[in-house]
Amino acid sequence: MSENFEKENIFGKGNPNDAFAQYFIGNSFLNPLVDFEDNLLFVANVTFEPGCRNNWHIHHAESGGGQILLCIAGKGWYQEEGCDPVELNPGMVVEIKPNVKHWHGAQKDSWFSHIAIEVDGTNTSNEWLEEVGDEHYNEL
C-alpha cells in the first residue's frame, strides 16, 4: 500500500474482513465507524487491495433500504446488472437502490476505499450471488 493512499484513506484500513471473505475475490479490510448495536445505520470504511472485488449482490428491502458508498481513496469500479461499469474516484457518491443486483471493488492497479452506509428499511437483507469472474473483470 502506498504512503499516498494511506494518507488519503483518512478513516483507516481496519482489519481483514474475514467474516465476509467468502464473498470477495482478493483481500478486503473493514473498519466500522459506528457501533452497530447502538446506531440505526451501519457505517464502515471498506478497503480493497488492487484487484479485489465483491461478488454480485442485492440489498433487499420491502421499503427503504439500499446502500450508499462515499468514495474516499484510490480507484474502483461499480456496476449494476445490465449497465456499463462506472469508474469510482475519491469524492464520488454511489446511491444503490434496494433490490438492484450490483458489485463494487478496486481497479486492478489501485487500492480503493469507500465508506459504506447501509440504509435503514423494512425487512432488509443482503443476498450474496456469483463471483465477478476474471474474464469480465479483466476487460475493464
N, C-alpha and C. Protein backbone atom coordinates (compact mmCIF):
# COMPACT_ATOMS: atom_id res chain seq x y z
N MET A 1 0.85 -1.17 0.00
CA MET A 1 0.00 0.00 0.00
C MET A 1 0.90 1.24 0.00
N SER A 2 0.60 2.16 -0.89
CA SER A 2 1.44 3.36 -1.00
C SER A 2 1.18 4.31 0.16
N GLU A 3 2.19 5.09 0.47
CA GLU A 3 2.07 6.09 1.54
C GLU A 3 1.00 7.11 1.19
N ASN A 4 0.89 7.48 -0.10
CA ASN A 4 -0.11 8.44 -0.54
C ASN A 4 -1.52 7.90 -0.29
N PHE A 5 -1.75 6.62 -0.63
CA PHE A 5 -3.06 6.02 -0.39
C PHE A 5 -3.40 6.03 1.08
N GLU A 6 -2.43 5.68 1.92
CA GLU A 6 -2.67 5.66 3.36
C GLU A 6 -3.07 7.04 3.88
N LYS A 7 -2.48 8.10 3.33
CA LYS A 7 -2.85 9.46 3.73
C LYS A 7 -4.26 9.80 3.28
N GLU A 8 -4.62 9.39 2.06
CA GLU A 8 -5.97 9.65 1.53
C GLU A 8 -7.03 8.88 2.31
N ASN A 9 -6.70 7.68 2.74
CA ASN A 9 -7.65 6.79 3.40
C ASN A 9 -7.79 7.21 4.87
N ILE A 10 -8.39 8.37 5.07
CA ILE A 10 -8.38 9.03 6.38
C ILE A 10 -9.11 8.27 7.48
N PHE A 11 -9.98 7.31 7.12
CA PHE A 11 -10.70 6.56 8.15
C PHE A 11 -10.00 5.26 8.51
N GLY A 12 -8.89 4.98 7.86
CA GLY A 12 -8.08 3.81 8.23
C GLY A 12 -8.53 2.52 7.58
N LYS A 13 -7.56 1.67 7.31
CA LYS A 13 -7.80 0.41 6.61
C LYS A 13 -8.61 -0.57 7.45
N GLY A 14 -8.40 -0.60 8.73
CA GLY A 14 -9.11 -1.55 9.57
C GLY A 14 -8.47 -2.92 9.55
N ASN A 15 -9.26 -3.92 9.84
CA ASN A 15 -8.80 -5.29 9.97
C ASN A 15 -9.27 -6.14 8.79
N PRO A 16 -8.61 -7.27 8.55
CA PRO A 16 -9.08 -8.15 7.48
C PRO A 16 -10.57 -8.46 7.64
N ASN A 17 -11.28 -8.41 6.52
CA ASN A 17 -12.73 -8.60 6.51
C ASN A 17 -13.05 -10.09 6.45
N ASP A 18 -12.58 -10.82 7.46
CA ASP A 18 -12.69 -12.28 7.47
C ASP A 18 -14.13 -12.77 7.45
N ALA A 19 -15.03 -12.07 8.11
CA ALA A 19 -16.42 -12.53 8.21
C ALA A 19 -17.10 -12.59 6.84
N PHE A 20 -16.64 -11.76 5.90
CA PHE A 20 -17.26 -11.73 4.57
C PHE A 20 -16.30 -12.16 3.47
N ALA A 21 -15.15 -12.71 3.83
CA ALA A 21 -14.11 -13.07 2.85
C ALA A 21 -14.64 -14.00 1.76
N GLN A 22 -15.60 -14.85 2.11
CA GLN A 22 -16.13 -15.79 1.11
C GLN A 22 -16.87 -15.10 -0.02
N TYR A 23 -17.23 -13.83 0.16
CA TYR A 23 -17.97 -13.08 -0.85
C TYR A 23 -17.09 -12.11 -1.62
N PHE A 24 -15.77 -12.22 -1.48
CA PHE A 24 -14.82 -11.34 -2.14
C PHE A 24 -13.78 -12.15 -2.89
N ILE A 25 -13.34 -11.64 -4.02
CA ILE A 25 -12.14 -12.14 -4.69
C ILE A 25 -11.03 -11.18 -4.28
N GLY A 26 -9.99 -11.69 -3.64
CA GLY A 26 -8.93 -10.84 -3.10
C GLY A 26 -9.22 -10.47 -1.66
N ASN A 27 -8.37 -9.62 -1.12
CA ASN A 27 -8.47 -9.25 0.29
C ASN A 27 -9.12 -7.89 0.47
N SER A 28 -10.05 -7.85 1.41
CA SER A 28 -10.68 -6.59 1.78
C SER A 28 -10.51 -6.40 3.28
N PHE A 29 -10.70 -5.16 3.72
CA PHE A 29 -10.50 -4.79 5.11
C PHE A 29 -11.69 -3.95 5.56
N LEU A 30 -12.06 -4.09 6.83
CA LEU A 30 -13.25 -3.43 7.34
C LEU A 30 -12.90 -2.64 8.59
N ASN A 31 -13.30 -1.37 8.60
CA ASN A 31 -13.12 -0.51 9.76
C ASN A 31 -14.47 0.10 10.12
N PRO A 32 -15.26 -0.55 11.01
CA PRO A 32 -16.55 0.02 11.41
C PRO A 32 -16.35 1.39 12.04
N LEU A 33 -17.19 2.35 11.65
CA LEU A 33 -17.05 3.72 12.15
C LEU A 33 -18.07 4.05 13.23
N VAL A 34 -19.07 3.20 13.41
CA VAL A 34 -20.05 3.35 14.48
C VAL A 34 -20.27 1.97 15.10
N ASP A 35 -20.77 1.97 16.32
CA ASP A 35 -21.14 0.72 16.97
C ASP A 35 -22.52 0.33 16.46
N PHE A 36 -22.57 -0.71 15.65
CA PHE A 36 -23.82 -1.10 15.01
C PHE A 36 -24.94 -1.33 16.01
N GLU A 37 -24.62 -1.86 17.15
CA GLU A 37 -25.65 -2.17 18.16
C GLU A 37 -26.31 -0.90 18.70
N ASP A 38 -25.61 0.24 18.66
CA ASP A 38 -26.13 1.48 19.24
C ASP A 38 -26.59 2.49 18.20
N ASN A 39 -26.62 2.12 16.92
CA ASN A 39 -26.96 3.06 15.87
C ASN A 39 -27.97 2.46 14.90
N LEU A 40 -28.73 3.33 14.25
CA LEU A 40 -29.69 2.87 13.25
C LEU A 40 -29.02 2.42 11.97
N LEU A 41 -27.86 3.00 11.67
CA LEU A 41 -27.17 2.71 10.43
C LEU A 41 -25.84 2.02 10.69
N PHE A 42 -25.49 1.10 9.80
CA PHE A 42 -24.14 0.54 9.82
C PHE A 42 -23.30 1.39 8.89
N VAL A 43 -22.20 1.93 9.40
CA VAL A 43 -21.29 2.78 8.63
C VAL A 43 -19.87 2.24 8.84
N ALA A 44 -19.19 1.94 7.73
CA ALA A 44 -17.84 1.37 7.83
C ALA A 44 -17.01 1.80 6.64
N ASN A 45 -15.70 1.91 6.88
CA ASN A 45 -14.76 2.09 5.78
C ASN A 45 -14.37 0.70 5.29
N VAL A 46 -14.55 0.47 4.00
CA VAL A 46 -14.17 -0.80 3.38
C VAL A 46 -13.00 -0.51 2.44
N THR A 47 -11.91 -1.23 2.62
CA THR A 47 -10.73 -1.06 1.78
C THR A 47 -10.48 -2.34 1.00
N PHE A 48 -10.22 -2.18 -0.29
CA PHE A 48 -9.97 -3.29 -1.21
C PHE A 48 -8.53 -3.21 -1.70
N GLU A 49 -7.81 -4.33 -1.67
CA GLU A 49 -6.48 -4.35 -2.29
C GLU A 49 -6.67 -4.32 -3.81
N PRO A 50 -5.63 -3.99 -4.56
CA PRO A 50 -5.76 -3.98 -6.02
C PRO A 50 -6.32 -5.31 -6.54
N GLY A 51 -7.31 -5.22 -7.42
CA GLY A 51 -7.93 -6.40 -8.00
C GLY A 51 -9.04 -7.01 -7.17
N CYS A 52 -9.22 -6.57 -5.94
CA CYS A 52 -10.25 -7.13 -5.06
C CYS A 52 -11.62 -6.56 -5.44
N ARG A 53 -12.60 -7.44 -5.45
CA ARG A 53 -13.98 -7.01 -5.67
C ARG A 53 -14.91 -7.97 -4.95
N ASN A 54 -16.10 -7.47 -4.63
CA ASN A 54 -17.07 -8.36 -4.00
C ASN A 54 -17.90 -9.05 -5.07
N ASN A 55 -18.61 -10.08 -4.66
CA ASN A 55 -19.50 -10.80 -5.56
C ASN A 55 -20.68 -9.90 -5.93
N TRP A 56 -21.35 -10.28 -6.99
CA TRP A 56 -22.65 -9.67 -7.27
C TRP A 56 -23.51 -9.87 -6.03
N HIS A 57 -24.30 -8.87 -5.70
CA HIS A 57 -25.17 -8.99 -4.54
C HIS A 57 -26.34 -8.03 -4.64
N ILE A 58 -27.32 -8.25 -3.78
CA ILE A 58 -28.54 -7.44 -3.76
C ILE A 58 -28.84 -7.07 -2.31
N HIS A 59 -29.13 -5.79 -2.08
CA HIS A 59 -29.61 -5.33 -0.78
C HIS A 59 -31.14 -5.29 -0.88
N HIS A 60 -31.78 -6.33 -0.38
CA HIS A 60 -33.23 -6.44 -0.46
C HIS A 60 -33.90 -5.56 0.60
N ALA A 61 -35.08 -5.05 0.27
CA ALA A 61 -35.90 -4.31 1.24
C ALA A 61 -37.31 -4.20 0.69
N GLU A 62 -38.29 -4.27 1.59
CA GLU A 62 -39.67 -4.01 1.18
C GLU A 62 -39.89 -2.52 0.97
N SER A 63 -39.29 -1.72 1.83
CA SER A 63 -39.29 -0.27 1.66
C SER A 63 -38.01 0.26 2.29
N GLY A 64 -37.57 1.46 1.83
CA GLY A 64 -36.29 1.98 2.29
C GLY A 64 -35.19 1.05 1.83
N GLY A 65 -34.12 1.00 2.60
CA GLY A 65 -33.04 0.07 2.31
C GLY A 65 -32.10 0.56 1.23
N GLY A 66 -31.21 -0.33 0.80
CA GLY A 66 -30.18 0.01 -0.16
C GLY A 66 -28.88 0.34 0.54
N GLN A 67 -27.99 0.98 -0.19
CA GLN A 67 -26.67 1.30 0.35
C GLN A 67 -26.14 2.56 -0.32
N ILE A 68 -25.34 3.31 0.41
CA ILE A 68 -24.67 4.49 -0.13
C ILE A 68 -23.17 4.28 0.04
N LEU A 69 -22.42 4.53 -1.03
CA LEU A 69 -20.97 4.44 -1.00
C LEU A 69 -20.39 5.83 -1.16
N LEU A 70 -19.51 6.23 -0.24
CA LEU A 70 -18.79 7.50 -0.33
C LEU A 70 -17.34 7.16 -0.64
N CYS A 71 -16.90 7.40 -1.86
CA CYS A 71 -15.56 7.01 -2.30
C CYS A 71 -14.54 7.99 -1.71
N ILE A 72 -13.51 7.44 -1.03
CA ILE A 72 -12.58 8.34 -0.34
C ILE A 72 -11.13 8.22 -0.78
N ALA A 73 -10.73 7.09 -1.35
CA ALA A 73 -9.31 6.93 -1.70
C ALA A 73 -9.14 5.88 -2.78
N GLY A 74 -8.18 6.11 -3.67
CA GLY A 74 -7.87 5.14 -4.71
C GLY A 74 -8.88 5.16 -5.84
N LYS A 75 -8.88 4.09 -6.63
CA LYS A 75 -9.77 3.98 -7.79
C LYS A 75 -10.49 2.64 -7.75
N GLY A 76 -11.77 2.69 -8.06
CA GLY A 76 -12.57 1.47 -8.02
C GLY A 76 -13.53 1.37 -9.18
N TRP A 77 -14.38 0.35 -9.09
CA TRP A 77 -15.44 0.09 -10.06
C TRP A 77 -16.75 -0.16 -9.34
N TYR A 78 -17.84 0.24 -9.99
CA TYR A 78 -19.19 -0.10 -9.55
C TYR A 78 -19.97 -0.49 -10.80
N GLN A 79 -20.76 -1.55 -10.68
CA GLN A 79 -21.59 -1.95 -11.82
C GLN A 79 -22.89 -2.53 -11.35
N GLU A 80 -23.98 -2.07 -11.98
CA GLU A 80 -25.29 -2.67 -11.79
C GLU A 80 -25.54 -3.63 -12.94
N GLU A 81 -26.29 -4.68 -12.68
CA GLU A 81 -26.59 -5.66 -13.71
C GLU A 81 -27.26 -4.97 -14.90
N GLY A 82 -26.76 -5.27 -16.10
CA GLY A 82 -27.33 -4.71 -17.31
C GLY A 82 -26.83 -3.32 -17.66
N CYS A 83 -25.94 -2.76 -16.85
CA CYS A 83 -25.40 -1.41 -17.07
C CYS A 83 -23.89 -1.47 -17.26
N ASP A 84 -23.35 -0.43 -17.87
CA ASP A 84 -21.90 -0.33 -18.01
C ASP A 84 -21.25 -0.08 -16.65
N PRO A 85 -20.03 -0.57 -16.43
CA PRO A 85 -19.32 -0.27 -15.19
C PRO A 85 -19.00 1.22 -15.09
N VAL A 86 -18.95 1.72 -13.86
CA VAL A 86 -18.64 3.12 -13.58
C VAL A 86 -17.32 3.17 -12.83
N GLU A 87 -16.38 4.01 -13.31
CA GLU A 87 -15.12 4.19 -12.62
C GLU A 87 -15.37 5.05 -11.38
N LEU A 88 -14.85 4.60 -10.24
CA LEU A 88 -15.04 5.32 -8.98
C LEU A 88 -13.75 6.02 -8.58
N ASN A 89 -13.88 7.29 -8.17
CA ASN A 89 -12.75 8.11 -7.73
C ASN A 89 -13.13 8.82 -6.45
N PRO A 90 -12.13 9.27 -5.66
CA PRO A 90 -12.43 9.98 -4.42
C PRO A 90 -13.39 11.15 -4.67
N GLY A 91 -14.34 11.28 -3.75
CA GLY A 91 -15.33 12.35 -3.83
C GLY A 91 -16.63 11.94 -4.49
N MET A 92 -16.65 10.78 -5.13
CA MET A 92 -17.88 10.32 -5.77
C MET A 92 -18.79 9.65 -4.75
N VAL A 93 -20.09 9.75 -5.00
CA VAL A 93 -21.11 9.12 -4.18
C VAL A 93 -21.92 8.20 -5.06
N VAL A 94 -22.12 6.97 -4.60
CA VAL A 94 -22.93 5.99 -5.32
C VAL A 94 -24.13 5.66 -4.46
N GLU A 95 -25.33 5.89 -5.00
CA GLU A 95 -26.55 5.51 -4.31
C GLU A 95 -27.07 4.23 -4.93
N ILE A 96 -27.08 3.17 -4.15
CA ILE A 96 -27.51 1.86 -4.63
C ILE A 96 -28.94 1.63 -4.13
N LYS A 97 -29.85 1.63 -5.05
CA LYS A 97 -31.26 1.43 -4.71
C LYS A 97 -31.46 0.00 -4.20
N PRO A 98 -32.46 -0.20 -3.36
CA PRO A 98 -32.74 -1.56 -2.89
C PRO A 98 -33.16 -2.44 -4.06
N ASN A 99 -32.88 -3.73 -3.92
CA ASN A 99 -33.30 -4.76 -4.86
C ASN A 99 -32.61 -4.66 -6.23
N VAL A 100 -31.43 -4.03 -6.28
CA VAL A 100 -30.66 -3.90 -7.51
C VAL A 100 -29.41 -4.78 -7.41
N LYS A 101 -29.23 -5.67 -8.37
CA LYS A 101 -28.06 -6.55 -8.40
C LYS A 101 -26.86 -5.72 -8.86
N HIS A 102 -25.74 -5.81 -8.10
CA HIS A 102 -24.57 -4.97 -8.38
C HIS A 102 -23.32 -5.58 -7.75
N TRP A 103 -22.17 -4.98 -8.05
CA TRP A 103 -20.91 -5.31 -7.39
C TRP A 103 -20.06 -4.05 -7.37
N HIS A 104 -19.01 -4.05 -6.51
CA HIS A 104 -18.06 -2.95 -6.47
C HIS A 104 -16.73 -3.45 -5.92
N GLY A 105 -15.66 -2.72 -6.25
CA GLY A 105 -14.34 -3.11 -5.79
C GLY A 105 -13.26 -2.23 -6.38
N ALA A 106 -12.03 -2.64 -6.17
CA ALA A 106 -10.86 -1.87 -6.61
C ALA A 106 -10.56 -2.12 -8.08
N GLN A 107 -9.87 -1.18 -8.68
CA GLN A 107 -9.32 -1.42 -10.01
C GLN A 107 -8.11 -2.35 -9.87
N LYS A 108 -7.67 -2.91 -10.98
CA LYS A 108 -6.58 -3.90 -10.97
C LYS A 108 -5.29 -3.36 -10.38
N ASP A 109 -5.03 -2.07 -10.61
CA ASP A 109 -3.73 -1.50 -10.24
C ASP A 109 -3.83 -0.45 -9.14
N SER A 110 -4.91 -0.48 -8.36
CA SER A 110 -5.10 0.55 -7.33
C SER A 110 -5.79 -0.01 -6.10
N TRP A 111 -5.32 0.42 -4.94
CA TRP A 111 -6.09 0.22 -3.72
C TRP A 111 -7.34 1.10 -3.83
N PHE A 112 -8.39 0.77 -3.09
CA PHE A 112 -9.63 1.55 -3.14
C PHE A 112 -10.33 1.46 -1.80
N SER A 113 -10.85 2.60 -1.33
CA SER A 113 -11.65 2.63 -0.10
C SER A 113 -12.91 3.44 -0.31
N HIS A 114 -13.98 2.94 0.28
CA HIS A 114 -15.23 3.70 0.33
C HIS A 114 -15.87 3.52 1.70
N ILE A 115 -16.61 4.53 2.09
CA ILE A 115 -17.46 4.41 3.27
C ILE A 115 -18.76 3.77 2.80
N ALA A 116 -19.14 2.68 3.44
CA ALA A 116 -20.40 2.00 3.12
C ALA A 116 -21.42 2.34 4.20
N ILE A 117 -22.57 2.83 3.76
CA ILE A 117 -23.67 3.16 4.66
C ILE A 117 -24.85 2.28 4.28
N GLU A 118 -25.25 1.43 5.20
CA GLU A 118 -26.42 0.59 4.97
C GLU A 118 -27.66 1.40 5.33
N VAL A 119 -28.54 1.60 4.38
CA VAL A 119 -29.74 2.43 4.59
C VAL A 119 -30.80 1.61 5.31
N ASP A 120 -31.36 2.20 6.35
CA ASP A 120 -32.40 1.54 7.13
C ASP A 120 -33.64 1.32 6.27
N GLY A 121 -34.33 0.22 6.50
CA GLY A 121 -35.54 -0.08 5.75
C GLY A 121 -36.34 -1.17 6.42
N THR A 122 -37.40 -1.58 5.75
CA THR A 122 -38.28 -2.62 6.26
C THR A 122 -37.90 -3.96 5.64
N ASN A 123 -37.73 -4.96 6.49
CA ASN A 123 -37.37 -6.31 6.06
C ASN A 123 -36.17 -6.30 5.12
N THR A 124 -35.07 -5.73 5.59
CA THR A 124 -33.85 -5.66 4.79
C THR A 124 -33.03 -6.94 4.96
N SER A 125 -32.33 -7.30 3.89
CA SER A 125 -31.41 -8.43 3.93
C SER A 125 -30.47 -8.30 2.74
N ASN A 126 -29.31 -8.94 2.85
CA ASN A 126 -28.35 -8.98 1.74
C ASN A 126 -28.33 -10.38 1.17
N GLU A 127 -28.35 -10.46 -0.16
CA GLU A 127 -28.25 -11.74 -0.85
C GLU A 127 -26.95 -11.73 -1.65
N TRP A 128 -26.04 -12.61 -1.28
CA TRP A 128 -24.76 -12.73 -1.99
C TRP A 128 -24.90 -13.72 -3.12
N LEU A 129 -24.39 -13.35 -4.29
CA LEU A 129 -24.58 -14.14 -5.50
C LEU A 129 -23.23 -14.57 -6.08
N GLU A 130 -23.17 -14.77 -7.38
CA GLU A 130 -21.98 -15.30 -8.03
C GLU A 130 -20.82 -14.30 -8.03
N GLU A 131 -19.62 -14.84 -8.21
CA GLU A 131 -18.41 -14.02 -8.30
C GLU A 131 -18.43 -13.18 -9.58
N VAL A 132 -17.72 -12.07 -9.55
CA VAL A 132 -17.41 -11.30 -10.76
C VAL A 132 -16.18 -11.97 -11.33
N GLY A 133 -16.35 -12.73 -12.37
CA GLY A 133 -15.27 -13.55 -12.91
C GLY A 133 -14.12 -12.74 -13.48
N ASP A 134 -12.96 -13.37 -13.54
CA ASP A 134 -11.76 -12.72 -14.08
C ASP A 134 -11.97 -12.24 -15.52
N GLU A 135 -12.64 -13.03 -16.33
CA GLU A 135 -12.84 -12.65 -17.73
C GLU A 135 -13.58 -11.33 -17.83
N HIS A 136 -14.64 -11.17 -17.07
CA HIS A 136 -15.40 -9.91 -17.08
C HIS A 136 -14.57 -8.79 -16.47
N TYR A 137 -14.00 -9.05 -15.32
CA TYR A 137 -13.26 -8.01 -14.58
C TYR A 137 -12.05 -7.52 -15.39
N ASN A 138 -11.32 -8.43 -16.01
CA ASN A 138 -10.10 -8.06 -16.73
C ASN A 138 -10.37 -7.26 -18.00
N GLU A 139 -11.62 -7.24 -18.46
CA GLU A 139 -11.98 -6.42 -19.61
C GLU A 139 -12.14 -4.95 -19.25
N LEU A 140 -12.25 -4.65 -17.95
CA LEU A 140 -12.47 -3.27 -17.51
C LEU A 140 -11.21 -2.44 -17.66
